[in-house]
Amino acid sequence: MASGGQPNDDSLLSSEEQEYSWLESEDCEEDLGESQEDLEKTGESQSQKKSLLDVLKSPKPSVLARKRIVQCNPPVGVKKSKGLTLKSAPKNISPRDRLKDFSDQSFMVNGSNKLFCDACREVLSCKKSSIEAHIKTKKHEKGKERLKRKEATEMDIVQALRRFDQEVHPVGETLPEPVRVYRVRVLMAMLKSGVPLEKIECFRDIFEENALALTSVSNMRQLLPFVLVQETTRIKQAVCGKPISIIFDGTTHVCA
């Protein structure tokens, strides 16, 4: 009983209600305990994550990102490695005299009036012993083979252009043959490397350094049918008389 003769609120509750309220209080305590455990677990996981990040090492820089070192000539007074060097030329012998002495070699006189080896793409001394030593090198032999292949390729292009002119009569058939051969070779190099023909404008200054002029991109595209015929002929010659197999894997011609 409360003061003043009023009954207490707790006394008015039945035994079932008191038991229910007691059970609710226990459930709340359990929920609070579980929530505290969850918070502790999340705190531990976060601390583990931080510790793992601290343990991980930073990625190593790529090989492409290495510092480039420019090779420099040795200082004055230090001997260089042994090899063929440009020795002093005799004063009474000119480069044109050496052209007559070695007429069977791929020598020429460049714009600077120097003896130049077209096979090796380098300037030579006019000293006879130096030239003889250069002729015996493997580099010169490989260069001569490369020149022979180049001449044979250019001759094939010239003959193919003549046949193409008789059949089609394309625009520019009256141009000099060296210019037309050069344009075909540039076009084939661009196609082989996968470079778009529009990029010719970016390389025009370099391509035209050899006194052989190119033409516009639209005119270069006019040579594509000729290059297609040349490539088809080359493939036929490569597989002629040889057993070949064609495998079809079911892939569509449209690439995603």
Protein backbone atom coordinates (compact mmCIF):
# COMPACT_ATOMS: atom_id res chain seq x y z
CA MET A 1 0.00 0.00 0.00
CA ALA A 2 1.21 3.52 -0.76
CA SER A 3 0.97 6.49 1.62
CA GLY A 4 -2.49 8.03 2.06
CA GLY A 5 -4.18 4.65 1.76
CA GLN A 6 -3.74 4.46 -2.09
CA PRO A 7 -2.81 1.03 -3.48
CA ASN A 8 0.62 0.62 -5.24
CA ASP A 9 0.70 0.19 -9.07
CA ASP A 10 2.89 -2.89 -8.74
CA SER A 11 0.35 -4.54 -6.50
CA LEU A 12 -2.30 -4.07 -9.20
CA LEU A 13 -0.33 -6.13 -11.75
CA SER A 14 -1.18 -9.75 -12.00
CA SER A 15 1.40 -12.45 -11.58
CA GLU A 16 1.43 -13.22 -15.35
CA GLU A 17 2.12 -9.59 -16.27
CA GLN A 18 4.94 -9.40 -13.72
CA GLU A 19 6.49 -12.57 -15.17
CA TYR A 20 6.20 -11.18 -18.75
CA SER A 21 7.88 -7.93 -17.80
CA TRP A 22 10.67 -9.87 -16.15
CA LEU A 23 11.23 -11.92 -19.33
CA GLU A 24 11.32 -8.73 -21.48
CA SER A 25 14.01 -7.25 -19.27
CA GLU A 26 16.13 -10.40 -19.68
CA ASP A 27 15.72 -10.27 -23.49
CA CYS A 28 16.83 -6.64 -23.54
CA GLU A 29 19.88 -7.49 -21.51
CA GLU A 30 20.73 -10.34 -23.91
CA ASP A 31 20.27 -8.05 -26.95
CA LEU A 32 22.52 -5.47 -25.38
CA GLY A 33 25.12 -8.13 -24.70
CA GLU A 34 24.97 -9.37 -28.30
CA SER A 35 25.25 -5.87 -29.72
CA GLN A 36 28.29 -5.20 -27.56
CA GLU A 37 29.89 -8.44 -28.80
CA ASP A 38 29.17 -7.45 -32.42
CA LEU A 39 30.77 -4.06 -31.87
CA GLU A 40 33.83 -5.72 -30.36
CA LYS A 41 34.08 -8.10 -33.34
CA THR A 42 33.78 -5.28 -35.87
CA GLY A 43 36.43 -3.35 -33.99
CA GLU A 44 38.73 -6.37 -34.11
CA SER A 45 38.12 -6.85 -37.87
CA GLN A 46 38.89 -3.19 -38.52
CA SER A 47 42.08 -3.45 -36.52
CA GLN A 48 43.01 -6.57 -38.52
CA LYS A 49 42.37 -4.73 -41.78
CA LYS A 50 44.56 -1.86 -40.70
CA SER A 51 47.30 -4.25 -39.68
CA LEU A 52 47.13 -6.07 -43.04
CA LEU A 53 47.38 -2.78 -44.93
CA ASP A 54 50.39 -1.90 -42.83
CA VAL A 55 52.03 -5.24 -43.67
CA LEU A 56 51.45 -4.97 -47.43
CA LYS A 57 54.38 -3.53 -49.36
CA SER A 58 54.13 -0.81 -51.97
CA PRO A 59 54.18 -2.05 -55.60
CA LYS A 60 57.50 -2.07 -57.40
CA PRO A 61 57.89 0.33 -60.31
CA SER A 62 57.63 -1.11 -63.80
CA VAL A 63 60.69 -1.85 -65.88
CA LEU A 64 59.52 0.78 -68.36
CA ALA A 65 59.71 3.36 -65.60
CA ARG A 66 63.41 2.81 -64.98
CA LYS A 67 65.72 5.75 -65.30
CA ARG A 68 67.18 6.05 -68.76
CA ILE A 69 70.95 6.28 -68.99
CA VAL A 70 72.42 8.07 -71.98
CA GLN A 71 75.60 6.46 -73.24
CA CYS A 72 78.45 8.95 -73.45
CA ASN A 73 81.81 8.92 -75.14
CA PRO A 74 84.83 8.28 -72.91
CA PRO A 75 86.77 11.33 -71.79
CA VAL A 76 89.76 12.57 -73.70
CA GLY A 77 92.81 10.35 -73.16
CA VAL A 78 90.87 7.13 -72.47
CA LYS A 79 91.31 4.41 -75.05
CA LYS A 80 88.19 3.18 -76.82
CA SER A 81 87.35 -0.45 -77.47
CA LYS A 82 89.02 -2.07 -80.44
CA GLY A 83 87.14 -1.99 -83.71
CA LEU A 84 87.12 -0.49 -87.17
CA THR A 85 87.53 3.24 -86.96
CA LEU A 86 87.56 5.93 -89.59
CA LYS A 87 91.27 6.28 -90.24
CA SER A 88 92.84 9.28 -91.83
CA ALA A 89 92.48 9.17 -95.61
CA PRO A 90 95.50 9.59 -97.86
CA LYS A 91 95.67 13.05 -99.36
CA ASN A 92 96.61 11.98 -102.89
CA ILE A 93 93.67 9.51 -103.25
CA SER A 94 90.12 10.72 -103.75
CA PRO A 95 86.88 8.74 -103.04
CA ARG A 96 86.22 8.50 -106.79
CA ASP A 97 89.58 6.82 -107.28
CA ARG A 98 88.56 4.16 -104.77
CA LEU A 99 85.30 3.65 -106.64
CA LYS A 100 87.34 2.62 -109.67
CA ASP A 101 89.58 0.34 -107.58
CA PHE A 102 86.58 -1.41 -105.95
CA SER A 103 84.03 -1.19 -108.73
CA ASP A 104 82.51 -4.57 -107.83
CA GLN A 105 81.47 -3.31 -104.37
CA SER A 106 78.43 -1.31 -103.35
CA PHE A 107 80.36 1.92 -102.82
CA MET A 108 79.32 5.44 -103.74
CA VAL A 109 80.32 9.05 -103.07
CA ASN A 110 77.84 10.89 -100.87
CA GLY A 111 76.98 14.58 -100.84
CA SER A 112 79.86 15.34 -98.47
CA ASN A 113 82.36 13.89 -100.96
CA LYS A 114 83.00 10.88 -98.72
CA LEU A 115 83.30 7.23 -99.64
CA PHE A 116 80.04 5.62 -98.59
CA CYS A 117 79.14 1.92 -98.36
CA ASP A 118 75.52 1.52 -99.46
CA ALA A 119 75.37 -2.04 -98.11
CA CYS A 120 76.43 -1.12 -94.57
CA ARG A 121 75.11 2.48 -94.62
CA GLU A 122 78.32 4.01 -93.27
CA VAL A 123 81.19 6.26 -94.33
CA LEU A 124 84.52 4.63 -95.07
CA SER A 125 88.08 5.81 -95.16
CA CYS A 126 89.88 5.98 -98.47
CA LYS A 127 92.79 4.02 -97.03
CA LYS A 128 93.13 0.79 -99.01
CA SER A 129 93.85 -1.49 -96.05
CA SER A 130 90.84 -0.12 -94.20
CA ILE A 131 88.56 -0.76 -97.20
CA GLU A 132 89.88 -4.30 -97.63
CA ALA A 133 89.27 -5.04 -93.96
CA HIS A 134 85.74 -3.67 -94.24
CA ILE A 135 84.94 -5.87 -97.22
CA LYS A 136 85.83 -9.01 -95.24
CA THR A 137 83.45 -8.26 -92.36
CA LYS A 138 80.19 -10.20 -91.88
CA LYS A 139 78.27 -6.96 -91.72
CA HIS A 140 79.32 -6.08 -95.26
CA GLU A 141 78.41 -9.54 -96.57
CA LYS A 142 74.95 -9.36 -94.99
CA GLY A 143 74.51 -5.86 -96.35
CA LYS A 144 75.30 -7.02 -99.88
CA GLU A 145 72.73 -9.82 -99.58
CA ARG A 146 70.17 -7.31 -98.36
CA LEU A 147 70.87 -5.06 -101.35
CA LYS A 148 70.44 -7.98 -103.75
CA ARG A 149 67.05 -8.81 -102.22
CA LYS A 150 66.06 -5.16 -102.39
CA GLU A 151 67.01 -4.88 -106.06
CA ALA A 152 65.12 -8.07 -106.88
CA THR A 153 62.04 -6.80 -105.05
CA GLU A 154 62.16 -3.45 -106.83
CA MET A 155 62.56 -5.17 -110.20
CA ASP A 156 59.51 -7.32 -109.47
CA ILE A 157 57.52 -4.20 -108.56
CA VAL A 158 58.61 -2.46 -111.78
CA GLN A 159 57.53 -5.40 -113.93
CA ALA A 160 54.24 -5.72 -112.04
CA LEU A 161 53.57 -1.97 -112.47
CA ARG A 162 54.11 -2.27 -116.21
CA ARG A 163 51.60 -5.11 -116.45
CA PHE A 164 49.18 -3.19 -114.24
CA ASP A 165 49.49 -0.11 -116.48
CA GLN A 166 48.63 -2.12 -119.57
CA GLU A 167 45.50 -3.56 -117.94
CA VAL A 168 44.16 -0.61 -115.92
CA HIS A 169 45.97 2.55 -117.07
CA PRO A 170 45.86 4.19 -113.61
CA VAL A 171 46.46 7.86 -112.90
CA GLY A 172 50.18 8.57 -112.53
CA GLU A 173 51.43 5.86 -114.88
CA THR A 174 53.66 8.43 -116.61
CA LEU A 175 55.63 9.18 -113.45
CA PRO A 176 59.26 7.99 -113.19
CA GLU A 177 59.57 4.37 -112.15
CA PRO A 178 61.76 5.07 -109.07
CA VAL A 179 59.07 7.39 -107.67
CA ARG A 180 56.29 4.87 -108.26
CA VAL A 181 58.33 2.02 -106.78
CA TYR A 182 59.10 4.12 -103.73
CA ARG A 183 55.43 4.93 -103.19
CA VAL A 184 54.49 1.26 -103.44
CA ARG A 185 57.17 0.31 -100.91
CA VAL A 186 56.00 3.00 -98.47
CA LEU A 187 52.41 1.84 -98.86
CA MET A 188 53.35 -1.81 -98.28
CA ALA A 189 55.36 -0.87 -95.18
CA MET A 190 52.42 1.09 -93.75
CA LEU A 191 50.03 -1.79 -94.36
CA LYS A 192 52.44 -4.36 -92.95
CA SER A 193 52.93 -2.39 -89.73
CA GLY A 194 49.20 -1.69 -89.34
CA VAL A 195 49.62 2.09 -89.44
CA PRO A 196 46.64 3.98 -90.95
CA LEU A 197 47.38 5.72 -94.21
CA GLU A 198 46.30 9.05 -92.71
CA LYS A 199 49.53 8.94 -90.66
CA ILE A 200 51.56 9.47 -93.82
CA GLU A 201 51.20 13.20 -93.28
CA CYS A 202 53.03 12.81 -89.94
CA PHE A 203 55.99 11.05 -91.60
CA ARG A 204 56.02 12.96 -94.88
CA ASP A 205 59.08 15.09 -94.02
CA ILE A 206 61.10 11.97 -93.21
CA PHE A 207 59.85 9.92 -96.16
CA GLU A 208 60.71 12.66 -98.64
CA GLU A 209 64.30 13.20 -97.49
CA ASN A 210 65.61 10.90 -100.23
CA ALA A 211 64.48 13.28 -103.01
CA LEU A 212 61.53 10.98 -103.77
CA ALA A 213 58.18 12.70 -103.33
CA LEU A 214 55.04 11.02 -102.08
CA THR A 215 51.52 12.00 -103.02
CA SER A 216 48.31 12.67 -101.11
CA VAL A 217 46.61 9.98 -99.05
CA SER A 218 43.76 9.66 -101.54
CA ASN A 219 46.21 9.04 -104.38
CA MET A 220 48.14 6.54 -102.25
CA ARG A 221 44.91 4.60 -101.80
CA GLN A 222 44.72 4.23 -105.59
CA LEU A 223 47.68 1.84 -105.29
CA LEU A 224 45.83 -0.54 -102.95
CA PRO A 225 44.45 -2.76 -105.79
CA PHE A 226 47.97 -3.15 -107.13
CA VAL A 227 49.33 -4.09 -103.69
CA LEU A 228 46.49 -6.61 -103.30
CA VAL A 229 47.45 -8.29 -106.57
CA GLN A 230 51.09 -8.38 -105.51
CA GLU A 231 50.29 -9.92 -102.14
CA THR A 232 48.01 -12.54 -103.70
CA THR A 233 50.72 -13.49 -106.16
CA ARG A 234 53.29 -13.74 -103.37
CA ILE A 235 51.07 -16.06 -101.32
CA LYS A 236 50.42 -18.29 -104.34
CA GLN A 237 54.15 -18.59 -104.99
CA ALA A 238 54.81 -19.38 -101.33
CA VAL A 239 52.30 -22.26 -101.15
CA CYS A 240 52.69 -23.56 -104.69
CA GLY A 241 53.59 -27.28 -104.70
CA LYS A 242 53.40 -27.54 -100.89
CA PRO A 243 50.80 -29.43 -98.85
CA ILE A 244 48.59 -26.96 -97.01
CA SER A 245 45.50 -27.26 -94.82
CA ILE A 246 42.72 -24.77 -94.19
CA ILE A 247 41.03 -25.01 -90.78
CA PHE A 248 37.71 -23.32 -90.08
CA ASP A 249 36.95 -22.86 -86.38
CA GLY A 250 33.43 -21.52 -86.78
CA THR A 251 34.28 -17.99 -85.74
CA THR A 252 32.12 -15.37 -87.40
CA HIS A 253 33.70 -12.72 -89.58
CA VAL A 254 32.27 -10.03 -87.33
CA CYS A 255 34.53 -9.38 -84.34
CA ALA A 256 32.94 -8.13 -81.12
